Amino acid sequence: MTEDVTATGAGRWDQLNKCPECGGDMERAAQVGEQLGLYYRCSEHGRFRYSWDHDTLEPVPEPNS
């Protein structure tokens, strides 16, 4: 007996592309320098990082220019 990982994984991936605040589409931010992790940006609510520990998106401050 095997579980269909494709269906559950696809739904989870879609959640990462949605802002946890407003549900709007977010874009995946390119990794720069020594930045590690998955970062996303909502045009209205700013940057979020995927937390492997909590399995959720967490708000993060904007990087210093």
PDB file of N, CA and C in Angstrom:
ATOM      1  N   MET A   1       0.854  -1.177   0.000  1.00  0.00           N
ATOM      2  CA  MET A   1       0.000   0.000   0.000  1.00  0.00           C
ATOM      3  C   MET A   1       0.901   1.241   0.000  1.00  0.00           C
ATOM      4  N   THR A   2       0.707   2.124  -0.955  1.00  0.00           N
ATOM      5  CA  THR A   2       1.511   3.350  -1.031  1.00  0.00           C
ATOM      6  C   THR A   2       0.612   4.568  -1.034  1.00  0.00           C
ATOM      7  N   GLU A   3       1.162   5.655  -0.553  1.00  0.00           N
ATOM      8  CA  GLU A   3       0.416   6.911  -0.506  1.00  0.00           C
ATOM      9  C   GLU A   3       0.726   7.719  -1.757  1.00  0.00           C
ATOM     10  N   ASP A   4      -0.258   8.389  -2.324  1.00  0.00           N
ATOM     11  CA  ASP A   4      -0.051   9.236  -3.496  1.00  0.00           C
ATOM     12  C   ASP A   4       0.559  10.560  -3.045  1.00  0.00           C
ATOM     13  N   VAL A   5       1.880  10.624  -3.082  1.00  0.00           N
ATOM     14  CA  VAL A   5       2.597  11.802  -2.604  1.00  0.00           C
ATOM     15  C   VAL A   5       2.439  12.972  -3.573  1.00  0.00           C
ATOM     16  N   THR A   6       2.244  12.698  -4.833  1.00  0.00           N
ATOM     17  CA  THR A   6       2.123  13.754  -5.834  1.00  0.00           C
ATOM     18  C   THR A   6       0.970  14.704  -5.513  1.00  0.00           C
ATOM     19  N   ALA A   7      -0.181  14.165  -5.178  1.00  0.00           N
ATOM     20  CA  ALA A   7      -1.348  15.002  -4.911  1.00  0.00           C
ATOM     21  C   ALA A   7      -1.157  15.842  -3.651  1.00  0.00           C
ATOM     22  N   THR A   8      -0.665  15.250  -2.579  1.00  0.00           N
ATOM     23  CA  THR A   8      -0.490  16.006  -1.340  1.00  0.00           C
ATOM     24  C   THR A   8       0.642  17.005  -1.468  1.00  0.00           C
ATOM     25  N   GLY A   9       1.709  16.648  -2.134  1.00  0.00           N
ATOM     26  CA  GLY A   9       2.837  17.554  -2.312  1.00  0.00           C
ATOM     27  C   GLY A   9       2.481  18.754  -3.168  1.00  0.00           C
ATOM     28  N   ALA A  10       1.672  18.550  -4.177  1.00  0.00           N
ATOM     29  CA  ALA A  10       1.274  19.654  -5.057  1.00  0.00           C
ATOM     30  C   ALA A  10       0.442  20.674  -4.295  1.00  0.00           C
ATOM     31  N   GLY A  11      -0.462  20.229  -3.465  1.00  0.00           N
ATOM     32  CA  GLY A  11      -1.283  21.139  -2.675  1.00  0.00           C
ATOM     33  C   GLY A  11      -0.457  21.932  -1.691  1.00  0.00           C
ATOM     34  N   ARG A  12       0.519  21.295  -1.083  1.00  0.00           N
ATOM     35  CA  ARG A  12       1.400  21.952  -0.121  1.00  0.00           C
ATOM     36  C   ARG A  12       2.240  23.017  -0.825  1.00  0.00           C
ATOM     37  N   TRP A  13       2.718  22.719  -2.023  1.00  0.00           N
ATOM     38  CA  TRP A  13       3.511  23.677  -2.782  1.00  0.00           C
ATOM     39  C   TRP A  13       2.681  24.906  -3.130  1.00  0.00           C
ATOM     40  N   ASP A  14       1.428  24.712  -3.471  1.00  0.00           N
ATOM     41  CA  ASP A  14       0.538  25.840  -3.769  1.00  0.00           C
ATOM     42  C   ASP A  14       0.369  26.739  -2.558  1.00  0.00           C
ATOM     43  N   GLN A  15       0.340  26.166  -1.353  1.00  0.00           N
ATOM     44  CA  GLN A  15       0.214  26.965  -0.135  1.00  0.00           C
ATOM     45  C   GLN A  15       1.399  27.900   0.037  1.00  0.00           C
ATOM     46  N   LEU A  16       2.591  27.462  -0.345  1.00  0.00           N
ATOM     47  CA  LEU A  16       3.788  28.296  -0.207  1.00  0.00           C
ATOM     48  C   LEU A  16       3.752  29.491  -1.136  1.00  0.00           C
ATOM     49  N   ASN A  17       3.025  29.395  -2.211  1.00  0.00           N
ATOM     50  CA  ASN A  17       2.951  30.489  -3.178  1.00  0.00           C
ATOM     51  C   ASN A  17       1.845  31.488  -2.858  1.00  0.00           C
ATOM     52  N   LYS A  18       1.157  31.298  -1.747  1.00  0.00           N
ATOM     53  CA  LYS A  18       0.079  32.197  -1.320  1.00  0.00           C
ATOM     54  C   LYS A  18       0.476  32.914  -0.042  1.00  0.00           C
ATOM     55  N   CYS A  19       0.213  34.204   0.037  1.00  0.00           N
ATOM     56  CA  CYS A  19       0.533  34.995   1.227  1.00  0.00           C
ATOM     57  C   CYS A  19      -0.321  34.520   2.397  1.00  0.00           C
ATOM     58  N   PRO A  20       0.288  34.248   3.568  1.00  0.00           N
ATOM     59  CA  PRO A  20      -0.503  33.812   4.722  1.00  0.00           C
ATOM     60  C   PRO A  20      -1.381  34.927   5.289  1.00  0.00           C
ATOM     61  N   GLU A  21      -1.108  36.174   4.939  1.00  0.00           N
ATOM     62  CA  GLU A  21      -1.892  37.308   5.430  1.00  0.00           C
ATOM     63  C   GLU A  21      -3.136  37.558   4.584  1.00  0.00           C
ATOM     64  N   CYS A  22      -2.951  37.616   3.252  1.00  0.00           N
ATOM     65  CA  CYS A  22      -4.069  37.999   2.382  1.00  0.00           C
ATOM     66  C   CYS A  22      -4.471  36.930   1.371  1.00  0.00           C
ATOM     67  N   GLY A  23      -3.671  35.862   1.229  1.00  0.00           N
ATOM     68  CA  GLY A  23      -3.982  34.803   0.274  1.00  0.00           C
ATOM     69  C   GLY A  23      -3.596  35.137  -1.154  1.00  0.00           C
ATOM     70  N   GLY A  24      -2.964  36.309  -1.347  1.00  0.00           N
ATOM     71  CA  GLY A  24      -2.541  36.711  -2.684  1.00  0.00           C
ATOM     72  C   GLY A  24      -1.329  35.928  -3.153  1.00  0.00           C
ATOM     73  N   ASP A  25      -1.114  35.930  -4.459  1.00  0.00           N
ATOM     74  CA  ASP A  25       0.035  35.241  -5.024  1.00  0.00           C
ATOM     75  C   ASP A  25       1.332  35.905  -4.586  1.00  0.00           C
ATOM     76  N   MET A  26       2.330  35.070  -4.297  1.00  0.00           N
ATOM     77  CA  MET A  26       3.653  35.580  -3.944  1.00  0.00           C
ATOM     78  C   MET A  26       4.648  35.069  -4.973  1.00  0.00           C
ATOM     79  N   GLU A  27       5.758  35.788  -5.103  1.00  0.00           N
ATOM     80  CA  GLU A  27       6.811  35.325  -5.993  1.00  0.00           C
ATOM     81  C   GLU A  27       7.973  34.820  -5.159  1.00  0.00           C
ATOM     82  N   ARG A  28       8.641  33.807  -5.658  1.00  0.00           N
ATOM     83  CA  ARG A  28       9.794  33.243  -4.964  1.00  0.00           C
ATOM     84  C   ARG A  28      10.963  34.182  -5.168  1.00  0.00           C
ATOM     85  N   ALA A  29      11.613  34.584  -4.083  1.00  0.00           N
ATOM     86  CA  ALA A  29      12.751  35.489  -4.151  1.00  0.00           C
ATOM     87  C   ALA A  29      14.017  34.700  -4.462  1.00  0.00           C
ATOM     88  N   ALA A  30      14.862  35.277  -5.298  1.00  0.00           N
ATOM     89  CA  ALA A  30      16.133  34.650  -5.636  1.00  0.00           C
ATOM     90  C   ALA A  30      17.049  34.665  -4.413  1.00  0.00           C
ATOM     91  N   GLN A  31      17.853  33.615  -4.262  1.00  0.00           N
ATOM     92  CA  GLN A  31      18.805  33.579  -3.159  1.00  0.00           C
ATOM     93  C   GLN A  31      20.002  34.445  -3.502  1.00  0.00           C
ATOM     94  N   VAL A  32      20.416  35.248  -2.530  1.00  0.00           N
ATOM     95  CA  VAL A  32      21.515  36.182  -2.734  1.00  0.00           C
ATOM     96  C   VAL A  32      22.565  35.967  -1.657  1.00  0.00           C
ATOM     97  N   GLY A  33      23.829  35.921  -2.049  1.00  0.00           N
ATOM     98  CA  GLY A  33      24.911  35.797  -1.080  1.00  0.00           C
ATOM     99  C   GLY A  33      24.810  34.524  -0.270  1.00  0.00           C
ATOM    100  N   GLU A  34      24.887  34.656   1.053  1.00  0.00           N
ATOM    101  CA  GLU A  34      24.864  33.499   1.944  1.00  0.00           C
ATOM    102  C   GLU A  34      23.468  33.194   2.479  1.00  0.00           C
ATOM    103  N   GLN A  35      22.463  33.785   1.879  1.00  0.00           N
ATOM    104  CA  GLN A  35      21.077  33.555   2.300  1.00  0.00           C
ATOM    105  C   GLN A  35      20.705  32.096   2.077  1.00  0.00           C
ATOM    106  N   LEU A  36      20.177  31.470   3.098  1.00  0.00           N
ATOM    107  CA  LEU A  36      19.736  30.085   2.998  1.00  0.00           C
ATOM    108  C   LEU A  36      18.244  30.014   3.243  1.00  0.00           C
ATOM    109  N   GLY A  37      17.588  29.112   2.562  1.00  0.00           N
ATOM    110  CA  GLY A  37      16.168  28.913   2.789  1.00  0.00           C
ATOM    111  C   GLY A  37      15.329  29.352   1.613  1.00  0.00           C
ATOM    112  N   LEU A  38      14.023  29.185   1.772  1.00  0.00           N
ATOM    113  CA  LEU A  38      13.066  29.564   0.741  1.00  0.00           C
ATOM    114  C   LEU A  38      12.416  30.878   1.149  1.00  0.00           C
ATOM    115  N   TYR A  39      12.604  31.908   0.332  1.00  0.00           N
ATOM    116  CA  TYR A  39      12.048  33.225   0.618  1.00  0.00           C
ATOM    117  C   TYR A  39      11.016  33.584  -0.443  1.00  0.00           C
ATOM    118  N   TYR A  40       9.937  34.211  -0.004  1.00  0.00           N
ATOM    119  CA  TYR A  40       8.846  34.617  -0.890  1.00  0.00           C
ATOM    120  C   TYR A  40       8.513  36.067  -0.602  1.00  0.00           C
ATOM    121  N   ARG A  41       7.924  36.747  -1.588  1.00  0.00           N
ATOM    122  CA  ARG A  41       7.559  38.152  -1.413  1.00  0.00           C
ATOM    123  C   ARG A  41       6.121  38.378  -1.856  1.00  0.00           C
ATOM    124  N   CYS A  42       5.363  39.012  -0.947  1.00  0.00           N
ATOM    125  CA  CYS A  42       4.007  39.459  -1.246  1.00  0.00           C
ATOM    126  C   CYS A  42       4.109  40.952  -1.516  1.00  0.00           C
ATOM    127  N   SER A  43       3.497  41.436  -2.573  1.00  0.00           N
ATOM    128  CA  SER A  43       3.587  42.857  -2.910  1.00  0.00           C
ATOM    129  C   SER A  43       2.973  43.738  -1.821  1.00  0.00           C
ATOM    130  N   GLU A  44       2.029  43.195  -1.065  1.00  0.00           N
ATOM    131  CA  GLU A  44       1.365  43.975  -0.019  1.00  0.00           C
ATOM    132  C   GLU A  44       1.981  43.785   1.374  1.00  0.00           C
ATOM    133  N   HIS A  45       2.428  42.573   1.693  1.00  0.00           N
ATOM    134  CA  HIS A  45       2.873  42.267   3.055  1.00  0.00           C
ATOM    135  C   HIS A  45       4.368  42.000   3.200  1.00  0.00           C
ATOM    136  N   GLY A  46       5.146  42.122   2.154  1.00  0.00           N
ATOM    137  CA  GLY A  46       6.596  41.984   2.264  1.00  0.00           C
ATOM    138  C   GLY A  46       7.103  40.559   2.164  1.00  0.00           C
ATOM    139  N   ARG A  47       8.236  40.322   2.840  1.00  0.00           N
ATOM    140  CA  ARG A  47       8.952  39.049   2.712  1.00  0.00           C
ATOM    141  C   ARG A  47       8.531  38.017   3.751  1.00  0.00           C
ATOM    142  N   PHE A  48       8.557  36.755   3.313  1.00  0.00           N
ATOM    143  CA  PHE A  48       8.297  35.614   4.175  1.00  0.00           C
ATOM    144  C   PHE A  48       9.355  34.557   3.906  1.00  0.00           C
ATOM    145  N   ARG A  49       9.676  33.774   4.932  1.00  0.00           N
ATOM    146  CA  ARG A  49      10.619  32.674   4.809  1.00  0.00           C
ATOM    147  C   ARG A  49       9.913  31.401   5.251  1.00  0.00           C
ATOM    148  N   TYR A  50      10.167  30.334   4.508  1.00  0.00           N
ATOM    149  CA  TYR A  50       9.605  29.046   4.917  1.00  0.00           C
ATOM    150  C   TYR A  50      10.413  28.505   6.083  1.00  0.00           C
ATOM    151  N   SER A  51       9.735  28.180   7.182  1.00  0.00           N
ATOM    152  CA  SER A  51      10.375  27.596   8.354  1.00  0.00           C
ATOM    153  C   SER A  51      10.242  26.079   8.297  1.00  0.00           C
ATOM    154  N   TRP A  52      11.375  25.399   8.171  1.00  0.00           N
ATOM    155  CA  TRP A  52      11.362  23.936   8.152  1.00  0.00           C
ATOM    156  C   TRP A  52      10.948  23.407   9.527  1.00  0.00           C
ATOM    157  N   ASP A  53      11.298  24.139  10.580  1.00  0.00           N
ATOM    158  CA  ASP A  53      10.974  23.698  11.938  1.00  0.00           C
ATOM    159  C   ASP A  53       9.481  23.744  12.226  1.00  0.00           C
ATOM    160  N   HIS A  54       8.806  24.779  11.729  1.00  0.00           N
ATOM    161  CA  HIS A  54       7.387  24.966  12.019  1.00  0.00           C
ATOM    162  C   HIS A  54       6.476  24.641  10.844  1.00  0.00           C
ATOM    163  N   ASP A  55       7.074  24.302   9.682  1.00  0.00           N
ATOM    164  CA  ASP A  55       6.309  23.962   8.476  1.00  0.00           C
ATOM    165  C   ASP A  55       5.291  25.047   8.128  1.00  0.00           C
ATOM    166  N   THR A  56       5.770  26.299   8.131  1.00  0.00           N
ATOM    167  CA  THR A  56       4.900  27.427   7.830  1.00  0.00           C
ATOM    168  C   THR A  56       5.734  28.585   7.285  1.00  0.00           C
ATOM    169  N   LEU A  57       5.066  29.576   6.731  1.00  0.00           N
ATOM    170  CA  LEU A  57       5.743  30.789   6.288  1.00  0.00           C
ATOM    171  C   LEU A  57       5.777  31.791   7.431  1.00  0.00           C
ATOM    172  N   GLU A  58       6.961  32.385   7.672  1.00  0.00           N
ATOM    173  CA  GLU A  58       7.121  33.364   8.740  1.00  0.00           C
ATOM    174  C   GLU A  58       7.560  34.687   8.152  1.00  0.00           C
ATOM    175  N   PRO A  59       7.031  35.801   8.643  1.00  0.00           N
ATOM    176  CA  PRO A  59       7.472  37.107   8.145  1.00  0.00           C
ATOM    177  C   PRO A  59       8.925  37.362   8.535  1.00  0.00           C
ATOM    178  N   VAL A  60       9.680  37.995   7.638  1.00  0.00           N
ATOM    179  CA  VAL A  60      11.069  38.358   7.924  1.00  0.00           C
ATOM    180  C   VAL A  60      11.278  39.810   7.516  1.00  0.00           C
ATOM    181  N   PRO A  61      12.198  40.513   8.198  1.00  0.00           N
ATOM    182  CA  PRO A  61      12.467  41.912   7.838  1.00  0.00           C
ATOM    183  C   PRO A  61      13.138  42.032   6.481  1.00  0.00           C
ATOM    184  N   GLU A  62      12.981  43.174   5.874  1.00  0.00           N
ATOM    185  CA  GLU A  62      13.640  43.431   4.591  1.00  0.00           C
ATOM    186  C   GLU A  62      15.156  43.484   4.802  1.00  0.00           C
ATOM    187  N   PRO A  63      15.929  42.985   3.849  1.00  0.00           N
ATOM    188  CA  PRO A  63      17.383  43.047   3.981  1.00  0.00           C
ATOM    189  C   PRO A  63      17.875  44.494   3.880  1.00  0.00           C
ATOM    190  N   ASN A  64      18.973  44.780   4.546  1.00  0.00           N
ATOM    191  CA  ASN A  64      19.558  46.122   4.451  1.00  0.00           C
ATOM    192  C   ASN A  64      20.206  46.305   3.097  1.00  0.00           C
ATOM    193  N   SER A  65      19.997  47.460   2.505  1.00  0.00           N
ATOM    194  CA  SER A  65      20.535  47.713   1.163  1.00  0.00           C
ATOM    195  C   SER A  65      21.974  48.140   1.222  1.00  0.00           C
TER     196      SER A  65
END
